[in-house]
Amino acid sequence: FDTSTSTDHCGGCGAACAENQLCSSSTCQLNCGGLTECSSGCVDTQTNTDHCGSCDSPCADGGVCNSGVCACPAPETECSGVCRNLNNDIDACGTCATSCDSQTQLCVSGACELNCGSNTNCGGSCVNTDTDPLHCGGCNTACATGGVCNTGSCSCPGSQQDCGGVCTDVDTVTNCGGCGVACAGAEEC
């Protein structure tokens, strides 16, 4: 037997190689078959994300190795070694270099927007459209002057009525029982 190639006597009598090794030039070596020998053992450099294309060539966090080439899964983009969704990632919003303020903003469709939580973004301000008399039931839907907004609906307090955009007492001589209904002569309302 040849001690330079024999797996049972590699480099000398009785010096057997391990089951996954072969003997080459009197030295036991890893037998990777169709795989590639890397520091971590035998790997498929066509699919291994830590050894993509060659040994010690890792893909970005979250990336995949396809045919020896690293890529981020759709719709993600590689940003400084990390796969990120530029449509909704506050650390990479629209571009890898754009970060939203994590305390006050969200990334929506690739743009930083005000994070209003349960409130509504009305022109860059967070408002409660259930109670805000300037945005009652929706942005820019104002109640009459002096009116209140309750569960998204405007109303005037007490027995007042909305008379031309102003909550008005309708028990006066100029507004008797309704807006603009004046009492005749010396009549009282």
C-alpha atoms as a PDB file:
ATOM      1  CA  PHE A   1       0.000   0.000   0.000  1.00  0.00           C
ATOM      2  CA  ASP A   2       1.024   3.554  -0.701  1.00  0.00           C
ATOM      3  CA  THR A   3       1.217   5.648   2.515  1.00  0.00           C
ATOM      4  CA  SER A   4       0.916   8.829   0.462  1.00  0.00           C
ATOM      5  CA  THR A   5      -2.663   7.949  -0.671  1.00  0.00           C
ATOM      6  CA  SER A   6      -3.955   5.136   1.590  1.00  0.00           C
ATOM      7  CA  THR A   7      -6.724   6.298   3.971  1.00  0.00           C
ATOM      8  CA  ASP A   8      -5.895   3.359   6.301  1.00  0.00           C
ATOM      9  CA  HIS A   9      -2.138   4.104   6.407  1.00  0.00           C
ATOM     10  CA  CYS A  10      -1.807   7.802   5.558  1.00  0.00           C
ATOM     11  CA  GLY A  11       1.772   8.888   6.112  1.00  0.00           C
ATOM     12  CA  GLY A  12       2.603   5.656   7.950  1.00  0.00           C
ATOM     13  CA  CYS A  13       1.357   2.242   8.988  1.00  0.00           C
ATOM     14  CA  GLY A  14      -1.886   2.280  10.988  1.00  0.00           C
ATOM     15  CA  ALA A  15      -2.386   6.069  10.598  1.00  0.00           C
ATOM     16  CA  ALA A  16      -6.006   5.951   9.396  1.00  0.00           C
ATOM     17  CA  CYS A  17      -7.862   9.051   8.203  1.00  0.00           C
ATOM     18  CA  ALA A  18     -11.289   9.914   9.622  1.00  0.00           C
ATOM     19  CA  GLU A  19     -14.400   8.778   7.769  1.00  0.00           C
ATOM     20  CA  ASN A  20     -14.903  12.108   5.922  1.00  0.00           C
ATOM     21  CA  GLN A  21     -11.220  12.465   4.963  1.00  0.00           C
ATOM     22  CA  LEU A  22      -8.956  11.260   2.177  1.00  0.00           C
ATOM     23  CA  CYS A  23      -5.193  10.829   2.082  1.00  0.00           C
ATOM     24  CA  SER A  24      -3.231  13.101  -0.206  1.00  0.00           C
ATOM     25  CA  SER A  25       0.549  13.512  -0.124  1.00  0.00           C
ATOM     26  CA  SER A  26       0.659  11.430   3.085  1.00  0.00           C
ATOM     27  CA  THR A  27      -1.706  13.875   4.869  1.00  0.00           C
ATOM     28  CA  CYS A  28      -5.331  13.332   5.837  1.00  0.00           C
ATOM     29  CA  GLN A  29      -7.507  16.033   4.305  1.00  0.00           C
ATOM     30  CA  LEU A  30     -11.192  16.821   4.412  1.00  0.00           C
ATOM     31  CA  ASN A  31     -13.079  15.096   1.606  1.00  0.00           C
ATOM     32  CA  CYS A  32     -15.697  17.625   0.522  1.00  0.00           C
ATOM     33  CA  GLY A  33     -16.763  15.862  -2.636  1.00  0.00           C
ATOM     34  CA  GLY A  34     -18.483  18.528  -4.757  1.00  0.00           C
ATOM     35  CA  LEU A  35     -18.420  21.062  -1.900  1.00  0.00           C
ATOM     36  CA  THR A  36     -15.745  23.602  -0.943  1.00  0.00           C
ATOM     37  CA  GLU A  37     -13.488  23.249   2.089  1.00  0.00           C
ATOM     38  CA  CYS A  38     -13.726  26.371   4.261  1.00  0.00           C
ATOM     39  CA  SER A  39     -12.630  27.023   7.837  1.00  0.00           C
ATOM     40  CA  SER A  40     -15.992  25.764   9.123  1.00  0.00           C
ATOM     41  CA  GLY A  41     -15.819  22.541   7.082  1.00  0.00           C
ATOM     42  CA  CYS A  42     -17.353  21.534   3.774  1.00  0.00           C
ATOM     43  CA  VAL A  43     -19.805  24.083   2.455  1.00  0.00           C
ATOM     44  CA  ASP A  44     -21.852  24.723  -0.660  1.00  0.00           C
ATOM     45  CA  THR A  45     -20.608  28.167  -1.704  1.00  0.00           C
ATOM     46  CA  GLN A  46     -23.558  28.407  -4.090  1.00  0.00           C
ATOM     47  CA  THR A  47     -26.101  28.595  -1.227  1.00  0.00           C
ATOM     48  CA  ASN A  48     -24.233  29.162   2.072  1.00  0.00           C
ATOM     49  CA  THR A  49     -24.846  32.718   3.387  1.00  0.00           C
ATOM     50  CA  ASP A  50     -21.574  32.694   5.402  1.00  0.00           C
ATOM     51  CA  HIS A  51     -19.484  31.526   2.420  1.00  0.00           C
ATOM     52  CA  CYS A  52     -21.343  32.833  -0.635  1.00  0.00           C
ATOM     53  CA  GLY A  53     -19.305  32.394  -3.816  1.00  0.00           C
ATOM     54  CA  SER A  54     -16.141  31.698  -1.801  1.00  0.00           C
ATOM     55  CA  CYS A  55     -15.013  30.969   1.751  1.00  0.00           C
ATOM     56  CA  ASP A  56     -15.592  33.700   4.346  1.00  0.00           C
ATOM     57  CA  SER A  57     -17.735  35.863   2.032  1.00  0.00           C
ATOM     58  CA  PRO A  58     -20.855  36.459   4.148  1.00  0.00           C
ATOM     59  CA  CYS A  59     -24.097  37.929   2.840  1.00  0.00           C
ATOM     60  CA  ALA A  60     -25.823  40.860   4.554  1.00  0.00           C
ATOM     61  CA  ASP A  61     -27.974  40.058   7.606  1.00  0.00           C
ATOM     62  CA  GLY A  62     -31.233  38.695   6.234  1.00  0.00           C
ATOM     63  CA  GLY A  63     -29.681  38.090   2.798  1.00  0.00           C
ATOM     64  CA  VAL A  64     -29.723  34.943   0.726  1.00  0.00           C
ATOM     65  CA  CYS A  65     -27.022  33.237  -1.354  1.00  0.00           C
ATOM     66  CA  ASN A  66     -28.236  32.166  -4.782  1.00  0.00           C
ATOM     67  CA  SER A  67     -25.813  30.634  -7.280  1.00  0.00           C
ATOM     68  CA  GLY A  68     -22.876  32.051  -5.295  1.00  0.00           C
ATOM     69  CA  VAL A  69     -24.212  35.628  -5.312  1.00  0.00           C
ATOM     70  CA  CYS A  70     -25.583  37.453  -2.259  1.00  0.00           C
ATOM     71  CA  ALA A  71     -28.905  39.217  -2.550  1.00  0.00           C
ATOM     72  CA  CYS A  72     -31.575  40.612  -0.273  1.00  0.00           C
ATOM     73  CA  PRO A  73     -35.045  39.124  -0.665  1.00  0.00           C
ATOM     74  CA  ALA A  74     -37.520  41.403  -2.489  1.00  0.00           C
ATOM     75  CA  PRO A  75     -38.408  44.144  -1.703  1.00  0.00           C
ATOM     76  CA  GLU A  76     -35.371  44.631   0.536  1.00  0.00           C
ATOM     77  CA  THR A  77     -32.110  46.448  -0.292  1.00  0.00           C
ATOM     78  CA  GLU A  78     -28.639  45.893   1.192  1.00  0.00           C
ATOM     79  CA  CYS A  79     -27.650  48.828   3.398  1.00  0.00           C
ATOM     80  CA  SER A  80     -24.252  48.595   5.142  1.00  0.00           C
ATOM     81  CA  GLY A  81     -24.405  44.825   5.458  1.00  0.00           C
ATOM     82  CA  VAL A  82     -28.082  44.591   6.485  1.00  0.00           C
ATOM     83  CA  CYS A  83     -31.111  43.881   4.278  1.00  0.00           C
ATOM     84  CA  ARG A  84     -33.688  46.642   4.782  1.00  0.00           C
ATOM     85  CA  ASN A  85     -37.138  47.409   3.382  1.00  0.00           C
ATOM     86  CA  LEU A  86     -36.832  51.037   2.246  1.00  0.00           C
ATOM     87  CA  ASN A  87     -40.646  51.333   2.193  1.00  0.00           C
ATOM     88  CA  ASN A  88     -41.160  50.938   5.956  1.00  0.00           C
ATOM     89  CA  ASP A  89     -37.800  50.827   7.790  1.00  0.00           C
ATOM     90  CA  ILE A  90     -37.337  53.897  10.034  1.00  0.00           C
ATOM     91  CA  ASP A  91     -33.549  53.378   9.888  1.00  0.00           C
ATOM     92  CA  ALA A  92     -33.497  53.348   6.057  1.00  0.00           C
ATOM     93  CA  CYS A  93     -36.571  55.162   4.782  1.00  0.00           C
ATOM     94  CA  GLY A  94     -36.613  55.686   1.021  1.00  0.00           C
ATOM     95  CA  THR A  95     -32.801  55.457   0.904  1.00  0.00           C
ATOM     96  CA  CYS A  96     -30.170  53.683   2.983  1.00  0.00           C
ATOM     97  CA  ALA A  97     -28.974  57.056   4.324  1.00  0.00           C
ATOM     98  CA  THR A  98     -32.375  58.401   5.469  1.00  0.00           C
ATOM     99  CA  SER A  99     -33.463  57.746   9.066  1.00  0.00           C
ATOM    100  CA  CYS A 100     -36.765  58.820  10.603  1.00  0.00           C
ATOM    101  CA  ASP A 101     -37.015  60.087  14.190  1.00  0.00           C
ATOM    102  CA  SER A 102     -38.031  56.909  16.010  1.00  0.00           C
ATOM    103  CA  GLN A 103     -39.858  58.889  18.711  1.00  0.00           C
ATOM    104  CA  THR A 104     -42.141  60.950  16.440  1.00  0.00           C
ATOM    105  CA  GLN A 105     -42.100  59.440  12.945  1.00  0.00           C
ATOM    106  CA  LEU A 106     -42.945  56.340  10.922  1.00  0.00           C
ATOM    107  CA  CYS A 107     -41.651  55.317   7.501  1.00  0.00           C
ATOM    108  CA  VAL A 108     -44.635  55.060   5.156  1.00  0.00           C
ATOM    109  CA  SER A 109     -44.103  54.230   1.472  1.00  0.00           C
ATOM    110  CA  GLY A 110     -40.475  55.366   1.692  1.00  0.00           C
ATOM    111  CA  ALA A 111     -41.160  58.718   3.391  1.00  0.00           C
ATOM    112  CA  CYS A 112     -40.872  59.777   7.032  1.00  0.00           C
ATOM    113  CA  GLU A 113     -44.281  60.807   8.355  1.00  0.00           C
ATOM    114  CA  LEU A 114     -45.535  62.082  11.665  1.00  0.00           C
ATOM    115  CA  ASN A 115     -46.493  59.243  14.012  1.00  0.00           C
ATOM    116  CA  CYS A 116     -49.822  60.311  15.483  1.00  0.00           C
ATOM    117  CA  GLY A 117     -50.711  56.975  17.045  1.00  0.00           C
ATOM    118  CA  SER A 118     -54.510  56.897  17.454  1.00  0.00           C
ATOM    119  CA  ASN A 119     -54.812  60.557  16.420  1.00  0.00           C
ATOM    120  CA  THR A 120     -54.899  61.926  12.847  1.00  0.00           C
ATOM    121  CA  ASN A 121     -52.151  63.783  10.967  1.00  0.00           C
ATOM    122  CA  CYS A 122     -53.776  67.019   9.797  1.00  0.00           C
ATOM    123  CA  GLY A 123     -51.264  69.111   7.897  1.00  0.00           C
ATOM    124  CA  GLY A 124     -48.304  68.050  10.049  1.00  0.00           C
ATOM    125  CA  SER A 125     -50.093  68.229  13.409  1.00  0.00           C
ATOM    126  CA  CYS A 126     -51.530  65.339  15.382  1.00  0.00           C
ATOM    127  CA  VAL A 127     -55.156  65.991  16.278  1.00  0.00           C
ATOM    128  CA  ASN A 128     -57.979  64.055  17.872  1.00  0.00           C
ATOM    129  CA  THR A 129     -60.770  64.373  15.302  1.00  0.00           C
ATOM    130  CA  ASP A 130     -63.247  63.103  17.913  1.00  0.00           C
ATOM    131  CA  THR A 131     -62.794  66.205  20.099  1.00  0.00           C
ATOM    132  CA  ASP A 132     -60.952  68.951  18.162  1.00  0.00           C
ATOM    133  CA  PRO A 133     -63.431  71.702  17.144  1.00  0.00           C
ATOM    134  CA  LEU A 134     -61.144  72.783  14.251  1.00  0.00           C
ATOM    135  CA  HIS A 135     -60.900  69.215  12.868  1.00  0.00           C
ATOM    136  CA  CYS A 136     -64.166  67.620  13.968  1.00  0.00           C
ATOM    137  CA  GLY A 137     -64.708  64.264  12.297  1.00  0.00           C
ATOM    138  CA  GLY A 138     -61.883  64.995   9.836  1.00  0.00           C
ATOM    139  CA  CYS A 139     -59.091  67.408   9.007  1.00  0.00           C
ATOM    140  CA  ASN A 140     -60.150  71.049   8.498  1.00  0.00           C
ATOM    141  CA  THR A 141     -63.801  70.417   9.396  1.00  0.00           C
ATOM    142  CA  ALA A 142     -64.413  73.240  11.882  1.00  0.00           C
ATOM    143  CA  CYS A 143     -67.341  73.577  14.253  1.00  0.00           C
ATOM    144  CA  ALA A 144     -69.196  76.901  14.588  1.00  0.00           C
ATOM    145  CA  THR A 145     -67.463  79.508  16.763  1.00  0.00           C
ATOM    146  CA  GLY A 146     -68.206  78.535  20.358  1.00  0.00           C
ATOM    147  CA  GLY A 147     -69.167  75.008  19.327  1.00  0.00           C
ATOM    148  CA  VAL A 148     -67.881  71.731  20.698  1.00  0.00           C
ATOM    149  CA  CYS A 149     -66.784  68.503  19.003  1.00  0.00           C
ATOM    150  CA  ASN A 150     -68.023  65.301  20.577  1.00  0.00           C
ATOM    151  CA  THR A 151     -67.246  61.897  18.977  1.00  0.00           C
ATOM    152  CA  GLY A 152     -66.516  63.634  15.689  1.00  0.00           C
ATOM    153  CA  SER A 153     -69.750  65.656  15.503  1.00  0.00           C
ATOM    154  CA  CYS A 154     -70.173  69.394  16.071  1.00  0.00           C
ATOM    155  CA  SER A 155     -72.818  70.854  18.336  1.00  0.00           C
ATOM    156  CA  CYS A 156     -73.530  74.132  20.073  1.00  0.00           C
ATOM    157  CA  PRO A 157     -73.768  74.151  23.879  1.00  0.00           C
ATOM    158  CA  GLY A 158     -77.122  74.142  25.630  1.00  0.00           C
ATOM    159  CA  SER A 159     -79.990  75.581  23.600  1.00  0.00           C
ATOM    160  CA  GLN A 160     -77.723  77.546  21.262  1.00  0.00           C
ATOM    161  CA  GLN A 161     -77.914  77.037  17.493  1.00  0.00           C
ATOM    162  CA  ASP A 162     -75.389  77.457  14.702  1.00  0.00           C
ATOM    163  CA  CYS A 163     -76.279  80.775  13.118  1.00  0.00           C
ATOM    164  CA  GLY A 164     -73.963  81.476  10.214  1.00  0.00           C
ATOM    165  CA  GLY A 165     -70.995  79.700  11.788  1.00  0.00           C
ATOM    166  CA  VAL A 166     -71.466  81.114  15.304  1.00  0.00           C
ATOM    167  CA  CYS A 167     -73.199  79.347  18.191  1.00  0.00           C
ATOM    168  CA  THR A 168     -75.965  81.784  19.146  1.00  0.00           C
ATOM    169  CA  ASP A 169     -78.625  82.033  21.884  1.00  0.00           C
ATOM    170  CA  VAL A 170     -82.010  81.777  20.184  1.00  0.00           C
ATOM    171  CA  ASP A 171     -83.997  83.318  23.021  1.00  0.00           C
ATOM    172  CA  THR A 172     -83.181  86.950  22.226  1.00  0.00           C
ATOM    173  CA  VAL A 173     -85.276  89.564  20.385  1.00  0.00           C
ATOM    174  CA  THR A 174     -83.018  89.274  17.299  1.00  0.00           C
ATOM    175  CA  ASN A 175     -82.898  85.463  17.317  1.00  0.00           C
ATOM    176  CA  CYS A 176     -86.180  84.363  18.826  1.00  0.00           C
ATOM    177  CA  GLY A 177     -86.659  80.621  18.478  1.00  0.00           C
ATOM    178  CA  GLY A 178     -84.292  80.472  15.511  1.00  0.00           C
ATOM    179  CA  CYS A 179     -81.481  82.225  13.709  1.00  0.00           C
ATOM    180  CA  GLY A 180     -82.456  85.702  12.434  1.00  0.00           C
ATOM    181  CA  VAL A 181     -86.051  85.415  13.684  1.00  0.00           C
ATOM    182  CA  ALA A 182     -86.651  88.879  15.186  1.00  0.00           C
ATOM    183  CA  CYS A 183     -89.480  89.764  17.502  1.00  0.00           C
ATOM    184  CA  ALA A 184     -91.884  92.345  16.097  1.00  0.00           C
ATOM    185  CA  GLY A 185     -92.025  95.744  17.759  1.00  0.00           C
ATOM    186  CA  ALA A 186     -92.068  95.477  21.552  1.00  0.00           C
ATOM    187  CA  GLU A 187     -92.518  91.701  21.690  1.00  0.00           C
ATOM    188  CA  GLU A 188     -90.334  89.685  23.959  1.00  0.00           C
ATOM    189  CA  CYS A 189     -88.916  86.321  23.113  1.00  0.00           C
END
